[in-house]
Amino acid sequence: MVSARSTILALSLLPLAFAHAGKREAEERLRWWLQQPESRGGVFAQGKLDGVDYRKLLRGAVAYDRDSLFGLFRYTADGQLMGEGAETNCEILQLLLQHWGDSRFASVLAGQPKHVRRKVIAEIDYAWSYPGWQPTEFPKTYRLATHEKF
């Protein structure tokens, strides 16, 4: 028979299990993106047109390289992404937030100029499914810029 103490312990560990599962799923999805071929209009092709090796930056960011994440942030703010490439970039930024975790992601983003922080936050806002990004989800990153509600 399961004791009340065991039940309470199991329930208290449940959020950790979900957080770990979400992080693992984000990493799997990011690795899936890395395997995708370059397609006309896609984020990798658009990056190439802008002189940015998006795949290389993404590979580095998945490996927790701060400079690569900086590069993706700068390209998000200053690049010419549109259509499919812009949509993919939004998803990738949200996945990177989940992959890096709130504290590490926020520490990298906080070092960026205000216009970069605003653009990155807006892209993540856009990628968030209904009811949108809530202040309790990744709160350190959430506080780095104002939010547009879609």
Foldseek 3Di string as FASTA:
>chain_A
DDDPVNVVVVVVCVVVVVLVVLLVVLLVVLVVVLPDDDDVLAQCVQCVVVVHRLSVLSVCLSVVNLVSLVVLLCCLQPPDRDDNHLLVSLSNLLSSCSNCDLPSNLVSLLPDDLSSLASSQASPQVNDDPPTDDCVGSVSSCPSHDYDGD
